[in-house]
Each structure stands twice: as structure tokens, then as C-alpha cells.
Amino acid sequence: MPVSSRPPNPPALSHRERQVLAHIAAGLSHKQIARRLGISVHTVSTYLRRIRSKRTAPTVAHLIHLNHTENC
């Protein structure tokens, strides 16, 4: 059986992780995101850390780009 050179699909982002990433992409600060979602700034940071663990990207800009290309 041939081994595929394509990497396996990355783990899916949760609904809340997608919300946080969308707000980051819109240019909101962690504090603004926290207020909009009714969560703490620490929780926003936690979601961003989880997103980074699921997606290999050195910067937030890369994360946003990866997310955009996955959704297109």
C-alpha cells in the first residue's frame, strides 16, 4: 500500500476557538474579544494557545491565513 505524502488533517477547531480566531483576524485585542464573548482575557489566551497547538503556524498572521484557506 503506498504511503500518502499528504499530511493528516489537523484536529478541528471548536466553535469557540473559531470565534476567537475570527475576532483576532478582525483585529480585536484580547480584552475586546473577552468583552464580546463574555469570557476573561485569560480564557481568550487559553483558546489561542489551543488553536496554536492544533495548527502549526509561527505567527497569528499565519494562523489566520491557514484558517482562511481551510474555509475556502
PDB file of N, CA and C in Angstrom:
ATOM      1  N   MET A   1       0.830  -1.167   0.000  1.00  0.00           N
ATOM      2  CA  MET A   1       0.000   0.000   0.000  1.00  0.00           C
ATOM      3  C   MET A   1       0.884   1.243   0.000  1.00  0.00           C
ATOM      4  N   PRO A   2       0.676   2.195  -0.946  1.00  0.00           N
ATOM      5  CA  PRO A   2       1.526   3.377  -0.980  1.00  0.00           C
ATOM      6  C   PRO A   2       1.220   4.312   0.197  1.00  0.00           C
ATOM      7  N   VAL A   3       2.278   4.930   0.668  1.00  0.00           N
ATOM      8  CA  VAL A   3       2.126   5.880   1.765  1.00  0.00           C
ATOM      9  C   VAL A   3       1.838   7.249   1.169  1.00  0.00           C
ATOM     10  N   SER A   4       0.794   7.882   1.633  1.00  0.00           N
ATOM     11  CA  SER A   4       0.427   9.193   1.134  1.00  0.00           C
ATOM     12  C   SER A   4       1.401  10.245   1.648  1.00  0.00           C
ATOM     13  N   SER A   5       1.784  11.154   0.774  1.00  0.00           N
ATOM     14  CA  SER A   5       2.685  12.225   1.191  1.00  0.00           C
ATOM     15  C   SER A   5       1.906  13.384   1.805  1.00  0.00           C
ATOM     16  N   ARG A   6       0.601  13.320   1.708  1.00  0.00           N
ATOM     17  CA  ARG A   6      -0.232  14.381   2.267  1.00  0.00           C
ATOM     18  C   ARG A   6      -0.350  14.207   3.772  1.00  0.00           C
ATOM     19  N   PRO A   7      -0.109  15.296   4.538  1.00  0.00           N
ATOM     20  CA  PRO A   7      -0.210  15.174   5.991  1.00  0.00           C
ATOM     21  C   PRO A   7      -1.655  14.938   6.415  1.00  0.00           C
ATOM     22  N   PRO A   8      -1.845  14.269   7.546  1.00  0.00           N
ATOM     23  CA  PRO A   8      -3.212  14.024   8.007  1.00  0.00           C
ATOM     24  C   PRO A   8      -3.894  15.339   8.342  1.00  0.00           C
ATOM     25  N   ASN A   9      -5.222  15.315   8.308  1.00  0.00           N
ATOM     26  CA  ASN A   9      -5.983  16.515   8.633  1.00  0.00           C
ATOM     27  C   ASN A   9      -5.701  16.946  10.062  1.00  0.00           C
ATOM     28  N   PRO A  10      -5.500  18.253  10.260  1.00  0.00           N
ATOM     29  CA  PRO A  10      -5.281  18.731  11.623  1.00  0.00           C
ATOM     30  C   PRO A  10      -6.576  18.621  12.426  1.00  0.00           C
ATOM     31  N   PRO A  11      -6.486  18.561  13.736  1.00  0.00           N
ATOM     32  CA  PRO A  11      -7.689  18.484  14.558  1.00  0.00           C
ATOM     33  C   PRO A  11      -8.576  19.695  14.299  1.00  0.00           C
ATOM     34  N   ALA A  12      -9.863  19.473  14.312  1.00  0.00           N
ATOM     35  CA  ALA A  12     -10.819  20.552  14.060  1.00  0.00           C
ATOM     36  C   ALA A  12     -10.823  21.544  15.219  1.00  0.00           C
ATOM     37  N   LEU A  13     -11.043  22.808  14.876  1.00  0.00           N
ATOM     38  CA  LEU A  13     -11.190  23.825  15.903  1.00  0.00           C
ATOM     39  C   LEU A  13     -12.615  23.779  16.443  1.00  0.00           C
ATOM     40  N   SER A  14     -12.743  24.030  17.733  1.00  0.00           N
ATOM     41  CA  SER A  14     -14.086  24.088  18.330  1.00  0.00           C
ATOM     42  C   SER A  14     -14.778  25.370  17.871  1.00  0.00           C
ATOM     43  N   HIS A  15     -16.063  25.441  18.114  1.00  0.00           N
ATOM     44  CA  HIS A  15     -16.837  26.629  17.753  1.00  0.00           C
ATOM     45  C   HIS A  15     -16.236  27.875  18.402  1.00  0.00           C
ATOM     46  N   ARG A  16     -15.929  27.800  19.684  1.00  0.00           N
ATOM     47  CA  ARG A  16     -15.388  28.945  20.414  1.00  0.00           C
ATOM     48  C   ARG A  16     -14.001  29.312  19.898  1.00  0.00           C
ATOM     49  N   GLU A  17     -13.176  28.322  19.561  1.00  0.00           N
ATOM     50  CA  GLU A  17     -11.857  28.596  19.002  1.00  0.00           C
ATOM     51  C   GLU A  17     -11.989  29.335  17.670  1.00  0.00           C
ATOM     52  N   ARG A  18     -12.952  28.917  16.852  1.00  0.00           N
ATOM     53  CA  ARG A  18     -13.186  29.608  15.584  1.00  0.00           C
ATOM     54  C   ARG A  18     -13.651  31.039  15.815  1.00  0.00           C
ATOM     55  N   GLN A  19     -14.492  31.243  16.841  1.00  0.00           N
ATOM     56  CA  GLN A  19     -14.941  32.599  17.164  1.00  0.00           C
ATOM     57  C   GLN A  19     -13.751  33.477  17.555  1.00  0.00           C
ATOM     58  N   VAL A  20     -12.910  32.976  18.437  1.00  0.00           N
ATOM     59  CA  VAL A  20     -11.748  33.736  18.892  1.00  0.00           C
ATOM     60  C   VAL A  20     -10.845  34.054  17.703  1.00  0.00           C
ATOM     61  N   LEU A  21     -10.592  33.083  16.848  1.00  0.00           N
ATOM     62  CA  LEU A  21      -9.723  33.304  15.694  1.00  0.00           C
ATOM     63  C   LEU A  21     -10.339  34.328  14.743  1.00  0.00           C
ATOM     64  N   ALA A  22     -11.639  34.291  14.564  1.00  0.00           N
ATOM     65  CA  ALA A  22     -12.308  35.274  13.705  1.00  0.00           C
ATOM     66  C   ALA A  22     -12.149  36.681  14.271  1.00  0.00           C
ATOM     67  N   HIS A  23     -12.271  36.820  15.576  1.00  0.00           N
ATOM     68  CA  HIS A  23     -12.107  38.134  16.207  1.00  0.00           C
ATOM     69  C   HIS A  23     -10.652  38.603  16.111  1.00  0.00           C
ATOM     70  N   ILE A  24      -9.715  37.680  16.261  1.00  0.00           N
ATOM     71  CA  ILE A  24      -8.293  38.015  16.102  1.00  0.00           C
ATOM     72  C   ILE A  24      -8.063  38.505  14.673  1.00  0.00           C
ATOM     73  N   ALA A  25      -8.646  37.798  13.702  1.00  0.00           N
ATOM     74  CA  ALA A  25      -8.492  38.165  12.295  1.00  0.00           C
ATOM     75  C   ALA A  25      -9.093  39.540  12.013  1.00  0.00           C
ATOM     76  N   ALA A  26     -10.135  39.900  12.767  1.00  0.00           N
ATOM     77  CA  ALA A  26     -10.776  41.205  12.602  1.00  0.00           C
ATOM     78  C   ALA A  26      -9.979  42.325  13.272  1.00  0.00           C
ATOM     79  N   GLY A  27      -8.906  41.951  13.971  1.00  0.00           N
ATOM     80  CA  GLY A  27      -8.041  42.948  14.568  1.00  0.00           C
ATOM     81  C   GLY A  27      -8.368  43.337  15.997  1.00  0.00           C
ATOM     82  N   LEU A  28      -9.243  42.567  16.660  1.00  0.00           N
ATOM     83  CA  LEU A  28      -9.601  42.880  18.032  1.00  0.00           C
ATOM     84  C   LEU A  28      -8.511  42.451  18.995  1.00  0.00           C
ATOM     85  N   SER A  29      -8.404  43.163  20.094  1.00  0.00           N
ATOM     86  CA  SER A  29      -7.447  42.803  21.134  1.00  0.00           C
ATOM     87  C   SER A  29      -8.039  41.687  21.982  1.00  0.00           C
ATOM     88  N   HIS A  30      -7.196  41.073  22.811  1.00  0.00           N
ATOM     89  CA  HIS A  30      -7.680  40.020  23.704  1.00  0.00           C
ATOM     90  C   HIS A  30      -8.763  40.572  24.635  1.00  0.00           C
ATOM     91  N   LYS A  31      -8.590  41.784  25.100  1.00  0.00           N
ATOM     92  CA  LYS A  31      -9.557  42.408  26.000  1.00  0.00           C
ATOM     93  C   LYS A  31     -10.897  42.645  25.288  1.00  0.00           C
ATOM     94  N   GLN A  32     -10.859  43.102  24.048  1.00  0.00           N
ATOM     95  CA  GLN A  32     -12.082  43.321  23.287  1.00  0.00           C
ATOM     96  C   GLN A  32     -12.805  42.005  23.009  1.00  0.00           C
ATOM     97  N   ILE A  33     -12.037  40.980  22.673  1.00  0.00           N
ATOM     98  CA  ILE A  33     -12.632  39.663  22.416  1.00  0.00           C
ATOM     99  C   ILE A  33     -13.289  39.140  23.682  1.00  0.00           C
ATOM    100  N   ALA A  34     -12.597  39.272  24.803  1.00  0.00           N
ATOM    101  CA  ALA A  34     -13.132  38.806  26.077  1.00  0.00           C
ATOM    102  C   ALA A  34     -14.475  39.477  26.374  1.00  0.00           C
ATOM    103  N   ARG A  35     -14.536  40.783  26.184  1.00  0.00           N
ATOM    104  CA  ARG A  35     -15.790  41.501  26.436  1.00  0.00           C
ATOM    105  C   ARG A  35     -16.903  41.025  25.510  1.00  0.00           C
ATOM    106  N   ARG A  36     -16.595  40.868  24.236  1.00  0.00           N
ATOM    107  CA  ARG A  36     -17.620  40.451  23.265  1.00  0.00           C
ATOM    108  C   ARG A  36     -18.149  39.045  23.539  1.00  0.00           C
ATOM    109  N   LEU A  37     -17.260  38.162  23.981  1.00  0.00           N
ATOM    110  CA  LEU A  37     -17.665  36.775  24.190  1.00  0.00           C
ATOM    111  C   LEU A  37     -18.083  36.490  25.629  1.00  0.00           C
ATOM    112  N   GLY A  38     -17.908  37.470  26.511  1.00  0.00           N
ATOM    113  CA  GLY A  38     -18.284  37.280  27.909  1.00  0.00           C
ATOM    114  C   GLY A  38     -17.390  36.302  28.647  1.00  0.00           C
ATOM    115  N   ILE A  39     -16.103  36.355  28.319  1.00  0.00           N
ATOM    116  CA  ILE A  39     -15.110  35.479  28.951  1.00  0.00           C
ATOM    117  C   ILE A  39     -13.955  36.344  29.437  1.00  0.00           C
ATOM    118  N   SER A  40     -13.035  35.760  30.182  1.00  0.00           N
ATOM    119  CA  SER A  40     -11.889  36.528  30.668  1.00  0.00           C
ATOM    120  C   SER A  40     -10.796  36.611  29.601  1.00  0.00           C
ATOM    121  N   VAL A  41      -9.924  37.578  29.777  1.00  0.00           N
ATOM    122  CA  VAL A  41      -8.771  37.726  28.885  1.00  0.00           C
ATOM    123  C   VAL A  41      -7.904  36.466  28.950  1.00  0.00           C
ATOM    124  N   HIS A  42      -7.776  35.903  30.148  1.00  0.00           N
ATOM    125  CA  HIS A  42      -7.005  34.667  30.314  1.00  0.00           C
ATOM    126  C   HIS A  42      -7.604  33.536  29.467  1.00  0.00           C
ATOM    127  N   THR A  43      -8.925  33.461  29.418  1.00  0.00           N
ATOM    128  CA  THR A  43      -9.585  32.415  28.625  1.00  0.00           C
ATOM    129  C   THR A  43      -9.338  32.627  27.137  1.00  0.00           C
ATOM    130  N   VAL A  44      -9.334  33.876  26.697  1.00  0.00           N
ATOM    131  CA  VAL A  44      -9.010  34.165  25.293  1.00  0.00           C
ATOM    132  C   VAL A  44      -7.606  33.647  24.988  1.00  0.00           C
ATOM    133  N   SER A  45      -6.661  33.910  25.879  1.00  0.00           N
ATOM    134  CA  SER A  45      -5.292  33.431  25.696  1.00  0.00           C
ATOM    135  C   SER A  45      -5.233  31.906  25.655  1.00  0.00           C
ATOM    136  N   THR A  46      -6.045  31.282  26.497  1.00  0.00           N
ATOM    137  CA  THR A  46      -6.101  29.814  26.517  1.00  0.00           C
ATOM    138  C   THR A  46      -6.614  29.276  25.190  1.00  0.00           C
ATOM    139  N   TYR A  47      -7.676  29.882  24.658  1.00  0.00           N
ATOM    140  CA  TYR A  47      -8.200  29.448  23.360  1.00  0.00           C
ATOM    141  C   TYR A  47      -7.149  29.632  22.275  1.00  0.00           C
ATOM    142  N   LEU A  48      -6.433  30.746  22.304  1.00  0.00           N
ATOM    143  CA  LEU A  48      -5.403  30.975  21.303  1.00  0.00           C
ATOM    144  C   LEU A  48      -4.286  29.939  21.428  1.00  0.00           C
ATOM    145  N   ARG A  49      -3.916  29.586  22.643  1.00  0.00           N
ATOM    146  CA  ARG A  49      -2.898  28.545  22.867  1.00  0.00           C
ATOM    147  C   ARG A  49      -3.383  27.208  22.309  1.00  0.00           C
ATOM    148  N   ARG A  50      -4.660  26.884  22.524  1.00  0.00           N
ATOM    149  CA  ARG A  50      -5.213  25.627  21.986  1.00  0.00           C
ATOM    150  C   ARG A  50      -5.211  25.629  20.461  1.00  0.00           C
ATOM    151  N   ILE A  51      -5.559  26.788  19.878  1.00  0.00           N
ATOM    152  CA  ILE A  51      -5.561  26.905  18.420  1.00  0.00           C
ATOM    153  C   ILE A  51      -4.149  26.658  17.892  1.00  0.00           C
ATOM    154  N   ARG A  52      -3.160  27.270  18.537  1.00  0.00           N
ATOM    155  CA  ARG A  52      -1.771  27.090  18.108  1.00  0.00           C
ATOM    156  C   ARG A  52      -1.309  25.645  18.246  1.00  0.00           C
ATOM    157  N   SER A  53      -1.841  24.930  19.239  1.00  0.00           N
ATOM    158  CA  SER A  53      -1.442  23.530  19.393  1.00  0.00           C
ATOM    159  C   SER A  53      -2.056  22.657  18.298  1.00  0.00           C
ATOM    160  N   LYS A  54      -3.163  23.108  17.729  1.00  0.00           N
ATOM    161  CA  LYS A  54      -3.825  22.347  16.666  1.00  0.00           C
ATOM    162  C   LYS A  54      -3.331  22.728  15.281  1.00  0.00           C
ATOM    163  N   ARG A  55      -2.787  23.919  15.148  1.00  0.00           N
ATOM    164  CA  ARG A  55      -2.296  24.403  13.859  1.00  0.00           C
ATOM    165  C   ARG A  55      -0.842  24.807  14.000  1.00  0.00           C
ATOM    166  N   THR A  56      -0.008  24.351  13.085  1.00  0.00           N
ATOM    167  CA  THR A  56       1.401  24.722  13.103  1.00  0.00           C
ATOM    168  C   THR A  56       1.541  26.035  12.350  1.00  0.00           C
ATOM    169  N   ALA A  57       1.742  27.104  13.101  1.00  0.00           N
ATOM    170  CA  ALA A  57       1.925  28.416  12.492  1.00  0.00           C
ATOM    171  C   ALA A  57       2.779  29.260  13.428  1.00  0.00           C
ATOM    172  N   PRO A  58       3.817  29.872  12.884  1.00  0.00           N
ATOM    173  CA  PRO A  58       4.719  30.642  13.742  1.00  0.00           C
ATOM    174  C   PRO A  58       4.143  31.970  14.234  1.00  0.00           C
ATOM    175  N   THR A  59       3.170  32.524  13.513  1.00  0.00           N
ATOM    176  CA  THR A  59       2.601  33.809  13.895  1.00  0.00           C
ATOM    177  C   THR A  59       1.076  33.767  13.810  1.00  0.00           C
ATOM    178  N   VAL A  60       0.454  34.768  14.395  1.00  0.00           N
ATOM    179  CA  VAL A  60      -1.004  34.881  14.315  1.00  0.00           C
ATOM    180  C   VAL A  60      -1.424  35.090  12.860  1.00  0.00           C
ATOM    181  N   ALA A  61      -0.637  35.847  12.115  1.00  0.00           N
ATOM    182  CA  ALA A  61      -0.957  36.065  10.698  1.00  0.00           C
ATOM    183  C   ALA A  61      -1.005  34.742   9.942  1.00  0.00           C
ATOM    184  N   HIS A  62      -0.074  33.844  10.245  1.00  0.00           N
ATOM    185  CA  HIS A  62      -0.078  32.524   9.600  1.00  0.00           C
ATOM    186  C   HIS A  62      -1.316  31.728  10.023  1.00  0.00           C
ATOM    187  N   LEU A  63      -1.690  31.820  11.295  1.00  0.00           N
ATOM    188  CA  LEU A  63      -2.888  31.132  11.770  1.00  0.00           C
ATOM    189  C   LEU A  63      -4.122  31.598  11.006  1.00  0.00           C
ATOM    190  N   ILE A  64      -4.231  32.909  10.853  1.00  0.00           N
ATOM    191  CA  ILE A  64      -5.382  33.479  10.149  1.00  0.00           C
ATOM    192  C   ILE A  64      -5.393  33.012   8.699  1.00  0.00           C
ATOM    193  N   HIS A  65      -4.212  33.018   8.072  1.00  0.00           N
ATOM    194  CA  HIS A  65      -4.112  32.558   6.683  1.00  0.00           C
ATOM    195  C   HIS A  65      -4.498  31.086   6.562  1.00  0.00           C
ATOM    196  N   LEU A  66      -3.973  30.253   7.453  1.00  0.00           N
ATOM    197  CA  LEU A  66      -4.319  28.829   7.427  1.00  0.00           C
ATOM    198  C   LEU A  66      -5.819  28.617   7.605  1.00  0.00           C
ATOM    199  N   ASN A  67      -6.395  29.333   8.545  1.00  0.00           N
ATOM    200  CA  ASN A  67      -7.825  29.205   8.801  1.00  0.00           C
ATOM    201  C   ASN A  67      -8.632  29.633   7.580  1.00  0.00           C
ATOM    202  N   HIS A  68      -8.197  30.696   6.944  1.00  0.00           N
ATOM    203  CA  HIS A  68      -8.902  31.192   5.755  1.00  0.00           C
ATOM    204  C   HIS A  68      -8.834  30.172   4.618  1.00  0.00           C
ATOM    205  N   THR A  69      -7.668  29.599   4.396  1.00  0.00           N
ATOM    206  CA  THR A  69      -7.525  28.643   3.299  1.00  0.00           C
ATOM    207  C   THR A  69      -8.284  27.350   3.582  1.00  0.00           C
ATOM    208  N   GLU A  70      -8.426  26.984   4.855  1.00  0.00           N
ATOM    209  CA  GLU A  70      -9.191  25.778   5.199  1.00  0.00           C
ATOM    210  C   GLU A  70     -10.681  25.979   4.957  1.00  0.00           C
ATOM    211  N   ASN A  71     -11.159  27.212   5.124  1.00  0.00           N
ATOM    212  CA  ASN A  71     -12.583  27.504   4.999  1.00  0.00           C
ATOM    213  C   ASN A  71     -12.998  27.880   3.600  1.00  0.00           C
ATOM    214  N   CYS A  72     -12.047  28.023   2.669  1.00  0.00           N
ATOM    215  CA  CYS A  72     -12.388  28.390   1.296  1.00  0.00           C
ATOM    216  C   CYS A  72     -12.682  27.176   0.441  1.00  0.00           C
TER     217      CYS A  72
END
